[in-house]
Amino acid sequence: MGSPAQVEAVIAMLTAAHPDQPASNWDILRQVMDDGFEGH
């Protein structure tokens, strides 16, 4: 796991690499990561 800033950096890279993907995909990833952070 990474810090929230690292997660956002990865999402930014994924968004740039896959501009055809809907923003909802990245929102799901954010939620999963947030849930993981809360669990620790």
PDB file of N, CA and C in Angstrom:
ATOM      1  N   MET A   1       0.831  -1.170   0.000  1.00  0.00           N
ATOM      2  CA  MET A   1       0.000   0.000   0.000  1.00  0.00           C
ATOM      3  C   MET A   1       0.878   1.236   0.000  1.00  0.00           C
ATOM      4  N   GLY A   2       0.306   2.314  -0.462  1.00  0.00           N
ATOM      5  CA  GLY A   2       1.014   3.577  -0.469  1.00  0.00           C
ATOM      6  C   GLY A   2       0.209   4.623   0.272  1.00  0.00           C
ATOM      7  N   SER A   3       0.784   5.772   0.358  1.00  0.00           N
ATOM      8  CA  SER A   3       0.083   6.890   0.983  1.00  0.00           C
ATOM      9  C   SER A   3      -1.013   7.385   0.038  1.00  0.00           C
ATOM     10  N   PRO A   4      -1.959   8.157   0.546  1.00  0.00           N
ATOM     11  CA  PRO A   4      -2.988   8.711  -0.346  1.00  0.00           C
ATOM     12  C   PRO A   4      -2.389   9.508  -1.505  1.00  0.00           C
ATOM     13  N   ALA A   5      -1.315  10.228  -1.260  1.00  0.00           N
ATOM     14  CA  ALA A   5      -0.676  10.985  -2.342  1.00  0.00           C
ATOM     15  C   ALA A   5      -0.101  10.053  -3.403  1.00  0.00           C
ATOM     16  N   GLN A   6       0.460   8.933  -2.970  1.00  0.00           N
ATOM     17  CA  GLN A   6       1.001   7.963  -3.921  1.00  0.00           C
ATOM     18  C   GLN A   6      -0.121   7.330  -4.738  1.00  0.00           C
ATOM     19  N   VAL A   7      -1.232   7.033  -4.083  1.00  0.00           N
ATOM     20  CA  VAL A   7      -2.385   6.463  -4.790  1.00  0.00           C
ATOM     21  C   VAL A   7      -2.851   7.435  -5.874  1.00  0.00           C
ATOM     22  N   GLU A   8      -2.948   8.712  -5.535  1.00  0.00           N
ATOM     23  CA  GLU A   8      -3.378   9.708  -6.514  1.00  0.00           C
ATOM     24  C   GLU A   8      -2.384   9.834  -7.658  1.00  0.00           C
ATOM     25  N   ALA A   9      -1.097   9.707  -7.364  1.00  0.00           N
ATOM     26  CA  ALA A   9      -0.089   9.766  -8.416  1.00  0.00           C
ATOM     27  C   ALA A   9      -0.241   8.590  -9.378  1.00  0.00           C
ATOM     28  N   VAL A  10      -0.486   7.423  -8.839  1.00  0.00           N
ATOM     29  CA  VAL A  10      -0.689   6.244  -9.687  1.00  0.00           C
ATOM     30  C   VAL A  10      -1.960   6.399 -10.514  1.00  0.00           C
ATOM     31  N   ILE A  11      -3.022   6.892  -9.903  1.00  0.00           N
ATOM     32  CA  ILE A  11      -4.268   7.101 -10.645  1.00  0.00           C
ATOM     33  C   ILE A  11      -4.055   8.116 -11.763  1.00  0.00           C
ATOM     34  N   ALA A  12      -3.284   9.150 -11.509  1.00  0.00           N
ATOM     35  CA  ALA A  12      -2.988  10.136 -12.552  1.00  0.00           C
ATOM     36  C   ALA A  12      -2.250   9.488 -13.717  1.00  0.00           C
ATOM     37  N   MET A  13      -1.294   8.609 -13.406  1.00  0.00           N
ATOM     38  CA  MET A  13      -0.570   7.910 -14.470  1.00  0.00           C
ATOM     39  C   MET A  13      -1.493   6.970 -15.241  1.00  0.00           C
ATOM     40  N   LEU A  14      -2.355   6.261 -14.515  1.00  0.00           N
ATOM     41  CA  LEU A  14      -3.294   5.357 -15.180  1.00  0.00           C
ATOM     42  C   LEU A  14      -4.262   6.122 -16.063  1.00  0.00           C
ATOM     43  N   THR A  15      -4.723   7.266 -15.588  1.00  0.00           N
ATOM     44  CA  THR A  15      -5.639   8.097 -16.373  1.00  0.00           C
ATOM     45  C   THR A  15      -4.970   8.557 -17.661  1.00  0.00           C
ATOM     46  N   ALA A  16      -3.703   8.959 -17.564  1.00  0.00           N
ATOM     47  CA  ALA A  16      -2.971   9.399 -18.749  1.00  0.00           C
ATOM     48  C   ALA A  16      -2.739   8.242 -19.718  1.00  0.00           C
ATOM     49  N   ALA A  17      -2.475   7.072 -19.174  1.00  0.00           N
ATOM     50  CA  ALA A  17      -2.191   5.904 -20.019  1.00  0.00           C
ATOM     51  C   ALA A  17      -3.447   5.303 -20.635  1.00  0.00           C
ATOM     52  N   HIS A  18      -4.589   5.510 -19.971  1.00  0.00           N
ATOM     53  CA  HIS A  18      -5.847   4.917 -20.424  1.00  0.00           C
ATOM     54  C   HIS A  18      -6.956   5.969 -20.438  1.00  0.00           C
ATOM     55  N   PRO A  19      -6.831   6.969 -21.320  1.00  0.00           N
ATOM     56  CA  PRO A  19      -7.812   8.069 -21.322  1.00  0.00           C
ATOM     57  C   PRO A  19      -9.213   7.635 -21.723  1.00  0.00           C
ATOM     58  N   ASP A  20      -9.344   6.450 -22.308  1.00  0.00           N
ATOM     59  CA  ASP A  20     -10.646   5.963 -22.733  1.00  0.00           C
ATOM     60  C   ASP A  20     -11.453   5.353 -21.587  1.00  0.00           C
ATOM     61  N   GLN A  21     -10.840   5.177 -20.439  1.00  0.00           N
ATOM     62  CA  GLN A  21     -11.529   4.577 -19.300  1.00  0.00           C
ATOM     63  C   GLN A  21     -12.364   5.629 -18.576  1.00  0.00           C
ATOM     64  N   PRO A  22     -13.548   5.257 -18.122  1.00  0.00           N
ATOM     65  CA  PRO A  22     -14.389   6.225 -17.413  1.00  0.00           C
ATOM     66  C   PRO A  22     -13.801   6.571 -16.043  1.00  0.00           C
ATOM     67  N   ALA A  23     -14.064   7.781 -15.604  1.00  0.00           N
ATOM     68  CA  ALA A  23     -13.566   8.244 -14.303  1.00  0.00           C
ATOM     69  C   ALA A  23     -14.070   7.357 -13.168  1.00  0.00           C
ATOM     70  N   SER A  24     -15.205   6.712 -13.363  1.00  0.00           N
ATOM     71  CA  SER A  24     -15.751   5.851 -12.311  1.00  0.00           C
ATOM     72  C   SER A  24     -14.801   4.709 -11.974  1.00  0.00           C
ATOM     73  N   ASN A  25     -14.007   4.245 -12.948  1.00  0.00           N
ATOM     74  CA  ASN A  25     -13.018   3.196 -12.649  1.00  0.00           C
ATOM     75  C   ASN A  25     -12.027   3.673 -11.604  1.00  0.00           C
ATOM     76  N   TRP A  26     -11.583   4.896 -11.745  1.00  0.00           N
ATOM     77  CA  TRP A  26     -10.593   5.429 -10.817  1.00  0.00           C
ATOM     78  C   TRP A  26     -11.236   5.715  -9.454  1.00  0.00           C
ATOM     79  N   ASP A  27     -12.511   6.093  -9.467  1.00  0.00           N
ATOM     80  CA  ASP A  27     -13.227   6.306  -8.204  1.00  0.00           C
ATOM     81  C   ASP A  27     -13.339   4.993  -7.425  1.00  0.00           C
ATOM     82  N   ILE A  28     -13.575   3.904  -8.150  1.00  0.00           N
ATOM     83  CA  ILE A  28     -13.645   2.585  -7.495  1.00  0.00           C
ATOM     84  C   ILE A  28     -12.288   2.240  -6.881  1.00  0.00           C
ATOM     85  N   LEU A  29     -11.218   2.486  -7.625  1.00  0.00           N
ATOM     86  CA  LEU A  29      -9.878   2.213  -7.105  1.00  0.00           C
ATOM     87  C   LEU A  29      -9.601   3.052  -5.861  1.00  0.00           C
ATOM     88  N   ARG A  30      -9.977   4.322  -5.912  1.00  0.00           N
ATOM     89  CA  ARG A  30      -9.799   5.188  -4.733  1.00  0.00           C
ATOM     90  C   ARG A  30     -10.534   4.619  -3.530  1.00  0.00           C
ATOM     91  N   GLN A  31     -11.777   4.180  -3.741  1.00  0.00           N
ATOM     92  CA  GLN A  31     -12.589   3.651  -2.635  1.00  0.00           C
ATOM     93  C   GLN A  31     -11.955   2.399  -2.048  1.00  0.00           C
ATOM     94  N   VAL A  32     -11.483   1.507  -2.900  1.00  0.00           N
ATOM     95  CA  VAL A  32     -10.841   0.284  -2.420  1.00  0.00           C
ATOM     96  C   VAL A  32      -9.602   0.631  -1.602  1.00  0.00           C
ATOM     97  N   MET A  33      -8.810   1.567  -2.094  1.00  0.00           N
ATOM     98  CA  MET A  33      -7.614   1.967  -1.372  1.00  0.00           C
ATOM     99  C   MET A  33      -7.971   2.641  -0.054  1.00  0.00           C
ATOM    100  N   ASP A  34      -8.989   3.496  -0.056  1.00  0.00           N
ATOM    101  CA  ASP A  34      -9.428   4.151   1.186  1.00  0.00           C
ATOM    102  C   ASP A  34      -9.895   3.116   2.202  1.00  0.00           C
ATOM    103  N   ASP A  35     -10.631   2.132   1.742  1.00  0.00           N
ATOM    104  CA  ASP A  35     -11.095   1.072   2.645  1.00  0.00           C
ATOM    105  C   ASP A  35      -9.920   0.330   3.243  1.00  0.00           C
ATOM    106  N   GLY A  36      -8.894   0.113   2.448  1.00  0.00           N
ATOM    107  CA  GLY A  36      -7.693  -0.555   2.929  1.00  0.00           C
ATOM    108  C   GLY A  36      -6.967   0.274   3.963  1.00  0.00           C
ATOM    109  N   PHE A  37      -6.900   1.586   3.749  1.00  0.00           N
ATOM    110  CA  PHE A  37      -6.238   2.464   4.714  1.00  0.00           C
ATOM    111  C   PHE A  37      -6.993   2.490   6.043  1.00  0.00           C
ATOM    112  N   GLU A  38      -8.324   2.505   5.964  1.00  0.00           N
ATOM    113  CA  GLU A  38      -9.129   2.549   7.181  1.00  0.00           C
ATOM    114  C   GLU A  38      -8.995   1.265   7.992  1.00  0.00           C
ATOM    115  N   GLY A  39      -8.727   0.160   7.307  1.00  0.00           N
ATOM    116  CA  GLY A  39      -8.608  -1.121   7.970  1.00  0.00           C
ATOM    117  C   GLY A  39      -7.308  -1.282   8.749  1.00  0.00           C
ATOM    118  N   HIS A  40      -6.362  -0.382   8.508  1.00  0.00           N
ATOM    119  CA  HIS A  40      -5.056  -0.514   9.169  1.00  0.00           C
ATOM    120  C   HIS A  40      -4.856   0.526  10.212  1.00  0.00           C
TER     121      HIS A  40
END
